[in-house]
């Protein structure tokens, strides 16, 4: 039996390829091809300011893979809500989860029309599982938690992993990002999990140059301290080792030679009691 796919319509929109975009910068730094000269020029400027940017972004991606494997293999999670998905980069979350548990079900969420253009790559589910794509903005959490894609795909009586990887730095404090995460967690049952990562300058002051470069190009980025990142997990049960630089979260040996100064992302996972 083939997996049921919810294919989004191809948008008619101006992708504004003349100005840099955060998802396309990320794609370029990771070695992808879904980017344009404005994105590449911005990325190269950032890399000149802090050459470890590529290492840090790769470690954030590796963190997502380890978290997903942990949640699927050790916590038995079979439903994943991935908010702020970004341009597909293999292996995507569903490929990691379904590689462990083929029956896993994933809902991807992003508000970027560039991601929607490539969303079919996110819908290549295993026959036993299911994937869906929702075009929505995390700054409007009600649109996500009330979406048919969510309720048609998930059994909300069973645990869901809310994955928010490398996206919250784009949500300024005045929009109450902690409150947004709390709202997204509200309809999820006890035993659900929150996994997130976001930019910090704690590990290396040079990262501030990258943050300023983003902001100068119209891409608002807010770096946060360890204490500020921990606030996102208030009321939840942190999974060991707590909130740490992403390469320090349950390492698999692939980043043992990395210096903390080369990684600019905090990450953590917690269980909803």
Foldseek 3Di string as FASTA:
>chain_A
DAADEDQDDQDDDDQPLVAADPLQLLCVLQPHDLHHPNSVVLNVVLCVLPVLPSVQSVLLVVLLLVVLLCCVPPLVDQEEEEEAQGADDPPGSQVSNCVRPLAHEYEYEEQRSSNSNRCVVVANGRRNYGYYYDNDDLLPLVCVVPPPVDVVRDDQVDAYEYEAEAPCQQPDVVSPVLVSLVSNCVSHDFFYKYKYKYFACVLPVSVVVSQVSCVVSVRHGDHDDPVVVVSSQPQWAWDPPAKDQSCPGPHPPPCPPDDSSSHGMIITMTGHD
